[in-house]
Each structure stands twice: as C-alpha cells, then as structure tokens.
C-alpha atoms as a PDB file:
ATOM      1  CA  MET A   1     -63.074  -0.713  35.850  1.00  0.00           C
ATOM      2  CA  GLN A   2     -59.843  -2.272  34.563  1.00  0.00           C
ATOM      3  CA  ARG A   3     -57.930  -0.527  31.371  1.00  0.00           C
ATOM      4  CA  CYS A   4     -56.736  -2.757  28.971  1.00  0.00           C
ATOM      5  CA  PRO A   5     -52.914  -2.255  28.915  1.00  0.00           C
ATOM      6  CA  ALA A   6     -50.287  -1.290  25.919  1.00  0.00           C
ATOM      7  CA  GLN A   7     -49.308  -4.378  23.584  1.00  0.00           C
ATOM      8  CA  ASP A   8     -45.958  -4.314  25.025  1.00  0.00           C
ATOM      9  CA  THR A   9     -47.101  -4.657  29.170  1.00  0.00           C
ATOM     10  CA  ASN A  10     -48.885  -7.898  30.526  1.00  0.00           C
ATOM     11  CA  PRO A  11     -50.666  -6.618  33.849  1.00  0.00           C
ATOM     12  CA  LEU A  12     -53.998  -8.897  32.102  1.00  0.00           C
ATOM     13  CA  ALA A  13     -52.048 -11.414  34.208  1.00  0.00           C
ATOM     14  CA  ASN A  14     -53.992  -9.874  37.014  1.00  0.00           C
ATOM     15  CA  VAL A  15     -57.408 -10.104  34.944  1.00  0.00           C
ATOM     16  CA  PHE A  16     -56.869 -13.362  33.257  1.00  0.00           C
ATOM     17  CA  PRO A  17     -54.710 -15.752  34.914  1.00  0.00           C
ATOM     18  CA  SER A  18     -52.799 -18.582  33.557  1.00  0.00           C
ATOM     19  CA  HIS A  19     -55.508 -20.311  32.575  1.00  0.00           C
ATOM     20  CA  VAL A  20     -55.610 -17.692  29.788  1.00  0.00           C
ATOM     21  CA  PRO A  21     -52.667 -18.646  27.171  1.00  0.00           C
ATOM     22  CA  ALA A  22     -50.355 -15.617  26.398  1.00  0.00           C
ATOM     23  CA  ALA A  23     -50.827 -15.355  22.895  1.00  0.00           C
ATOM     24  CA  MET A  24     -54.859 -14.518  23.746  1.00  0.00           C
ATOM     25  CA  ASP A  25     -53.262 -12.198  26.544  1.00  0.00           C
ATOM     26  CA  ASP A  26     -51.210 -10.400  23.258  1.00  0.00           C
ATOM     27  CA  LYS A  27     -54.668 -10.874  20.847  1.00  0.00           C
ATOM     28  CA  ILE A  28     -56.883  -9.034  24.112  1.00  0.00           C
ATOM     29  CA  ALA A  29     -53.878  -6.140  24.204  1.00  0.00           C
ATOM     30  CA  GLN A  30     -54.075  -5.751  20.617  1.00  0.00           C
ATOM     31  CA  PHE A  31     -57.740  -5.544  20.403  1.00  0.00           C
ATOM     32  CA  CYS A  32     -57.938  -3.300  23.305  1.00  0.00           C
ATOM     33  CA  GLN A  33     -55.383  -0.876  21.694  1.00  0.00           C
ATOM     34  CA  VAL A  34     -56.987  -0.728  18.024  1.00  0.00           C
ATOM     35  CA  THR A  35     -60.505  -0.320  19.430  1.00  0.00           C
ATOM     36  CA  GLY A  36     -59.673   1.417  22.518  1.00  0.00           C
ATOM     37  CA  CYS A  37     -62.114  -1.050  24.494  1.00  0.00           C
ATOM     38  CA  VAL A  38     -61.351  -0.891  27.825  1.00  0.00           C
ATOM     39  CA  ASP A  39     -63.216  -4.097  28.804  1.00  0.00           C
ATOM     40  CA  PRO A  40     -60.854  -6.845  28.681  1.00  0.00           C
ATOM     41  CA  ALA A  41     -63.702  -9.376  29.357  1.00  0.00           C
ATOM     42  CA  LYS A  42     -65.429  -7.585  26.848  1.00  0.00           C
ATOM     43  CA  ALA A  43     -62.050  -8.095  24.158  1.00  0.00           C
ATOM     44  CA  LYS A  44     -61.744 -11.720  24.979  1.00  0.00           C
ATOM     45  CA  PHE A  45     -65.638 -12.505  24.666  1.00  0.00           C
ATOM     46  CA  PHE A  46     -65.295 -10.879  21.068  1.00  0.00           C
ATOM     47  CA  LEU A  47     -62.097 -12.991  19.909  1.00  0.00           C
ATOM     48  CA  GLU A  48     -63.557 -16.222  21.749  1.00  0.00           C
ATOM     49  CA  SER A  49     -66.879 -14.963  19.405  1.00  0.00           C
ATOM     50  CA  SER A  50     -64.462 -15.005  16.520  1.00  0.00           C
ATOM     51  CA  ASN A  51     -62.277 -17.982  16.732  1.00  0.00           C
ATOM     52  CA  GLY A  52     -59.700 -15.679  17.680  1.00  0.00           C
ATOM     53  CA  GLU A  53     -58.938 -13.855  14.469  1.00  0.00           C
ATOM     54  CA  ILE A  54     -58.525 -10.304  15.424  1.00  0.00           C
ATOM     55  CA  ASP A  55     -59.741  -9.151  12.291  1.00  0.00           C
ATOM     56  CA  ALA A  56     -62.927 -10.709  12.772  1.00  0.00           C
ATOM     57  CA  ALA A  57     -63.292  -9.729  16.292  1.00  0.00           C
ATOM     58  CA  ILE A  58     -62.164  -5.546  15.342  1.00  0.00           C
ATOM     59  CA  SER A  59     -64.898  -6.095  12.875  1.00  0.00           C
ATOM     60  CA  ALA A  60     -67.557  -7.336  14.798  1.00  0.00           C
ATOM     61  CA  PHE A  61     -66.819  -4.783  17.715  1.00  0.00           C
ATOM     62  CA  PHE A  62     -67.147  -1.662  15.389  1.00  0.00           C
ATOM     63  CA  GLY A  63     -70.531  -3.739  13.975  1.00  0.00           C
ATOM     64  CA  ALA A  64     -72.333  -4.388  17.265  1.00  0.00           C
ATOM     65  CA  PRO A  65     -75.402  -2.939  17.691  1.00  0.00           C
ATOM     66  CA  ARG A  66     -75.052  -0.187  20.357  1.00  0.00           C
ATOM     67  CA  PRO A  67     -77.656   1.079  22.852  1.00  0.00           C
ATOM     68  CA  SER A  68     -78.973   4.066  21.896  1.00  0.00           C
ATOM     69  CA  VAL A  69     -81.331   6.729  23.261  1.00  0.00           C
ATOM     70  CA  SER A  70     -84.339   7.772  21.355  1.00  0.00           C
ATOM     71  CA  PRO A  71     -85.345  11.144  22.280  1.00  0.00           C
ATOM     72  CA  GLU A  72     -88.817  11.158  23.876  1.00  0.00           C
ATOM     73  CA  ILE A  73     -90.921  12.920  20.998  1.00  0.00           C
ATOM     74  CA  SER A  74     -93.997  15.001  22.563  1.00  0.00           C
ATOM     75  CA  HIS A  75     -97.533  15.304  20.740  1.00  0.00           C
ATOM     76  CA  PRO A  76     -99.615  18.402  21.427  1.00  0.00           C
END
C-alpha cells in the first residue's frame, strides 16, 4: 500500500499520472496529511465526492461510517 506523501513532495505522480491536475495532487497530499489517510485513491474519492472542497472532503472522511465488529453475545 502506498503512503501519501508530505505536502512538499509530489511522488503522487506515480500513483496519479499526468491526467490528474497538479492542484488535485496538492489537495490529495493535504487531505492525507490532515486525515492520516494512507490511500491516495481514497483521498481522491473523497475530494471528487466533495467537488474538490478540501474541508468538505475531510469532514466526509471523518463522518463516514466505519465498519465495526460487534462482539458475539452468547446466551446460555
């Protein structure tokens, strides 16, 4: 799994080739830095779903339901 880079570098060029604008690369890096997300594709999904609005994407990421494991309750 690839990690998101620091905002001052741009190794995302390998993950998202030239068809991804540089502005999106910067937003993906910022999103990953703020959220701790390690999946650039997930970051891009949240950004695209929020029309490129970084604050809305971050809010959606933290507000997104996360799979939870319910403990098994055994009844005698």
